[in-house]
Amino acid sequence: APLCLPPTTATSILKRQKQLRRKNVRFDQVTVYYFARRQGFTSVPSQGGSSLGMAQRHNSVRRYTLCEFAQEQEVNHREILREHLKEEKLHAKKMKLTKNGTVESEEAEGLTLEDVSDDDIDVENVEVDDYFFLQPLPTKRRRALLRASGVHRIDAEEKQELRAIRLSREECGCDCRLYCDPEACACSQAGIKCQ
């Protein structure tokens, strides 16, 4: 954890007048706005429906010193890392029981994160800052996060819209080969250079 030292405020009485007139920007605190989680409708996850979003207005505000914020981030990242390592360990246990997914196992199907103890994972020997935290969440996890945040009715239309967007992104450009026929070229008809 970073060492936090109190800011030094001892300044000369003669210099005080000059300092008050200066208009420097100082970064000595972090303001964090917290928003409730909502269904997104603004992003396209690589699979499934129910994108994650946030409420229109924040529900709380918290101010930190730079050092307090760094410590808070360290704690949060360690917790995320602990959960991720637990999920990896759970997956490894399931794979072992099913011989890499080739054999059905009722025991493997019944395993949950509660079956992975903190003794099974080693968070302390993993460098938190080197770990990638913005990893995509599977559909089930996104839905669970929404429900835990109080979203009782997940709009099923978003799932269809996201599927249509993903399908439309699979086709890019036109069908021209070797030469472009402007009358048949979708790019040319859309007013863009033939792809």
Protein backbone atom coordinates (compact mmCIF):
# COMPACT_ATOMS: atom_id res chain seq x y z
CA ALA A 1 0.00 0.00 0.00
CA PRO A 2 1.32 3.50 -0.77
CA LEU A 3 2.70 5.54 2.12
CA CYS A 4 0.54 8.62 2.77
CA LEU A 5 2.25 11.72 4.04
CA PRO A 6 0.31 14.78 5.21
CA PRO A 7 0.66 17.75 2.83
CA THR A 8 3.25 20.29 3.91
CA THR A 9 1.66 23.66 4.60
CA ALA A 10 4.51 25.59 6.21
CA THR A 11 5.08 28.69 4.07
CA SER A 12 6.68 32.03 4.76
CA ILE A 13 4.38 34.89 5.86
CA LEU A 14 6.07 37.08 3.24
CA LYS A 15 5.20 34.68 0.42
CA ARG A 16 1.54 34.27 1.41
CA GLN A 17 0.29 37.38 -0.47
CA LYS A 18 2.02 36.25 -3.66
CA GLN A 19 0.61 32.69 -3.38
CA LEU A 20 -2.98 33.88 -2.96
CA ARG A 21 -2.82 35.76 -6.27
CA ARG A 22 -1.51 32.82 -8.28
CA LYS A 23 -4.14 30.79 -10.14
CA ASN A 24 -2.50 27.40 -10.50
CA VAL A 25 -4.53 24.25 -10.86
CA ARG A 26 -3.90 21.82 -8.02
CA PHE A 27 -4.86 18.19 -7.91
CA ASP A 28 -5.08 17.21 -4.27
CA GLN A 29 -8.33 15.28 -4.10
CA VAL A 30 -10.50 12.88 -6.08
CA THR A 31 -14.27 13.17 -6.27
CA VAL A 32 -16.05 9.92 -7.11
CA TYR A 33 -19.71 9.87 -8.18
CA TYR A 34 -21.55 6.57 -7.68
CA PHE A 35 -24.41 5.56 -9.98
CA ALA A 36 -26.95 2.76 -9.62
CA ARG A 37 -26.62 0.04 -12.25
CA ARG A 38 -29.29 -0.08 -14.96
CA GLN A 39 -29.83 -1.89 -18.24
CA GLY A 40 -27.62 -0.12 -20.75
CA PHE A 41 -29.09 0.13 -24.27
CA THR A 42 -25.86 1.97 -25.21
CA SER A 43 -23.21 -0.70 -25.80
CA VAL A 44 -22.95 -3.91 -27.79
CA PRO A 45 -21.49 -6.81 -25.77
CA SER A 46 -19.75 -9.48 -27.84
CA GLN A 47 -22.37 -12.04 -26.81
CA GLY A 48 -25.86 -12.21 -25.34
CA GLY A 49 -28.19 -9.40 -24.33
CA SER A 50 -28.63 -7.11 -21.34
CA SER A 51 -25.84 -4.58 -21.64
CA LEU A 52 -24.84 -2.79 -18.45
CA GLY A 53 -25.50 0.90 -17.96
CA MET A 54 -26.05 3.36 -15.14
CA ALA A 55 -28.81 5.56 -13.77
CA GLN A 56 -29.26 9.11 -15.08
CA ARG A 57 -28.24 10.68 -11.76
CA HIS A 58 -25.66 9.65 -9.17
CA ASN A 59 -26.91 8.34 -5.84
CA SER A 60 -23.86 9.25 -3.77
CA VAL A 61 -20.61 11.20 -3.87
CA ARG A 62 -17.39 10.53 -2.04
CA ARG A 63 -14.24 12.63 -1.81
CA TYR A 64 -10.78 11.18 -1.26
CA THR A 65 -7.27 12.52 -0.96
CA LEU A 66 -5.03 11.17 -3.72
CA CYS A 67 -3.47 8.75 -1.27
CA GLU A 68 -6.81 7.55 0.13
CA PHE A 69 -8.06 7.01 -3.43
CA ALA A 70 -4.97 4.94 -4.33
CA GLN A 71 -5.53 2.79 -1.23
CA GLU A 72 -9.25 2.38 -2.04
CA GLN A 73 -8.39 1.33 -5.60
CA GLU A 74 -5.88 -1.20 -4.29
CA VAL A 75 -8.53 -2.76 -2.01
CA ASN A 76 -11.15 -2.82 -4.81
CA HIS A 77 -8.74 -4.34 -7.33
CA ARG A 78 -7.66 -7.02 -4.86
CA GLU A 79 -11.31 -7.96 -4.31
CA ILE A 80 -11.96 -8.15 -8.08
CA LEU A 81 -8.81 -10.22 -8.48
CA ARG A 82 -9.89 -12.57 -5.65
CA GLU A 83 -13.28 -13.14 -7.35
CA HIS A 84 -11.65 -13.73 -10.73
CA LEU A 85 -9.12 -16.21 -9.32
CA LYS A 86 -11.98 -18.03 -7.58
CA GLU A 87 -13.85 -18.31 -10.89
CA GLU A 88 -10.70 -19.63 -12.59
CA LYS A 89 -10.21 -22.19 -9.80
CA LEU A 90 -13.87 -23.25 -10.03
CA HIS A 91 -13.53 -23.70 -13.80
CA ALA A 92 -10.34 -25.76 -13.30
CA LYS A 93 -12.12 -28.00 -10.75
CA LYS A 94 -15.03 -28.54 -13.15
CA MET A 95 -12.65 -29.38 -16.00
CA LYS A 96 -10.81 -31.87 -13.81
CA LEU A 97 -14.07 -33.60 -12.82
CA THR A 98 -15.29 -33.73 -16.43
CA LYS A 99 -11.90 -34.69 -17.90
CA ASN A 100 -11.67 -31.39 -19.83
CA GLY A 101 -15.37 -31.37 -20.68
CA THR A 102 -15.47 -34.81 -22.28
CA VAL A 103 -17.37 -36.57 -19.46
CA GLU A 104 -20.61 -35.50 -17.78
CA SER A 105 -20.38 -35.01 -14.05
CA GLU A 106 -23.21 -34.17 -11.64
CA GLU A 107 -20.62 -33.19 -9.05
CA ALA A 108 -19.08 -30.68 -11.46
CA GLU A 109 -22.52 -29.22 -12.31
CA GLY A 110 -23.25 -28.70 -8.62
CA LEU A 111 -20.06 -26.77 -7.85
CA THR A 112 -20.39 -23.04 -7.10
CA LEU A 113 -18.00 -20.26 -6.04
CA GLU A 114 -18.74 -21.15 -2.40
CA ASP A 115 -16.96 -24.47 -3.04
CA VAL A 116 -13.70 -22.60 -3.67
CA SER A 117 -12.13 -21.54 -0.39
CA ASP A 118 -9.86 -18.53 0.02
CA ASP A 119 -7.07 -20.98 0.91
CA ASP A 120 -7.27 -22.36 -2.67
CA ILE A 121 -6.26 -19.04 -4.19
CA ASP A 122 -3.12 -16.96 -3.77
CA VAL A 123 -3.98 -13.28 -4.26
CA GLU A 124 -0.92 -12.01 -2.40
CA ASN A 125 1.56 -13.35 -4.95
CA VAL A 126 -0.20 -11.77 -7.95
CA GLU A 127 0.76 -8.20 -8.87
CA VAL A 128 -2.59 -6.39 -8.90
CA ASP A 129 -1.49 -3.55 -11.19
CA ASP A 130 -0.31 -6.01 -13.85
CA TYR A 131 -3.68 -7.76 -13.95
CA PHE A 132 -6.28 -6.79 -16.55
CA PHE A 133 -9.54 -5.76 -14.83
CA LEU A 134 -11.80 -4.71 -17.69
CA GLN A 135 -12.70 -8.19 -18.82
CA PRO A 136 -15.98 -8.92 -20.59
CA LEU A 137 -18.70 -10.37 -18.39
CA PRO A 138 -20.74 -13.35 -19.53
CA THR A 139 -24.48 -12.86 -20.10
CA LYS A 140 -25.51 -14.68 -16.90
CA ARG A 141 -23.22 -12.50 -14.80
CA ARG A 142 -24.55 -9.29 -16.35
CA ARG A 143 -28.13 -10.38 -15.68
CA ALA A 144 -27.24 -11.29 -12.09
CA LEU A 145 -25.61 -7.87 -11.57
CA LEU A 146 -28.72 -6.12 -12.90
CA ARG A 147 -31.02 -8.15 -10.65
CA ALA A 148 -28.79 -7.52 -7.63
CA SER A 149 -29.01 -3.79 -8.40
CA GLY A 150 -32.81 -3.85 -8.25
CA VAL A 151 -33.64 -4.19 -11.96
CA HIS A 152 -36.63 -6.55 -11.73
CA ARG A 153 -37.68 -6.54 -15.39
CA ILE A 154 -34.91 -6.88 -17.97
CA ASP A 155 -36.15 -5.59 -21.34
CA ALA A 156 -35.91 -8.54 -23.75
CA GLU A 157 -36.04 -6.23 -26.82
CA GLU A 158 -32.44 -5.21 -26.20
CA LYS A 159 -31.31 -8.80 -26.76
CA GLN A 160 -32.88 -8.82 -30.25
CA GLU A 161 -31.48 -5.37 -31.08
CA LEU A 162 -27.96 -6.41 -30.01
CA ARG A 163 -28.18 -9.61 -32.04
CA ALA A 164 -29.21 -7.60 -35.14
CA ILE A 165 -26.33 -5.16 -34.63
CA ARG A 166 -23.79 -7.97 -34.24
CA LEU A 167 -25.10 -9.65 -37.41
CA SER A 168 -24.94 -6.38 -39.36
CA ARG A 169 -21.32 -5.92 -38.29
CA GLU A 170 -20.35 -9.29 -39.74
CA GLU A 171 -20.99 -7.99 -43.25
CA CYS A 172 -18.82 -5.06 -44.23
CA GLY A 173 -18.29 -3.55 -47.64
CA CYS A 174 -19.57 -4.91 -50.95
CA ASP A 175 -19.40 -8.04 -53.10
CA CYS A 176 -17.18 -6.55 -55.84
CA ARG A 177 -14.28 -8.74 -57.02
CA LEU A 178 -11.36 -7.38 -59.11
CA TYR A 179 -13.38 -4.45 -60.51
CA CYS A 180 -16.24 -2.26 -59.24
CA ASP A 181 -19.60 -2.11 -60.96
CA PRO A 182 -21.11 1.15 -59.56
CA GLU A 183 -24.67 0.04 -60.42
CA ALA A 184 -24.35 -3.18 -58.35
CA CYS A 185 -21.86 -1.96 -55.74
CA ALA A 186 -23.45 -1.32 -52.33
CA CYS A 187 -20.54 0.96 -51.37
CA SER A 188 -20.83 3.07 -54.51
CA GLN A 189 -24.61 3.36 -54.03
CA ALA A 190 -24.04 4.53 -50.44
CA GLY A 191 -21.67 7.23 -51.71
CA ILE A 192 -18.46 5.74 -50.27
CA LYS A 193 -15.31 4.34 -51.84
CA CYS A 194 -15.62 0.70 -52.95
CA GLN A 195 -14.40 -1.63 -50.19
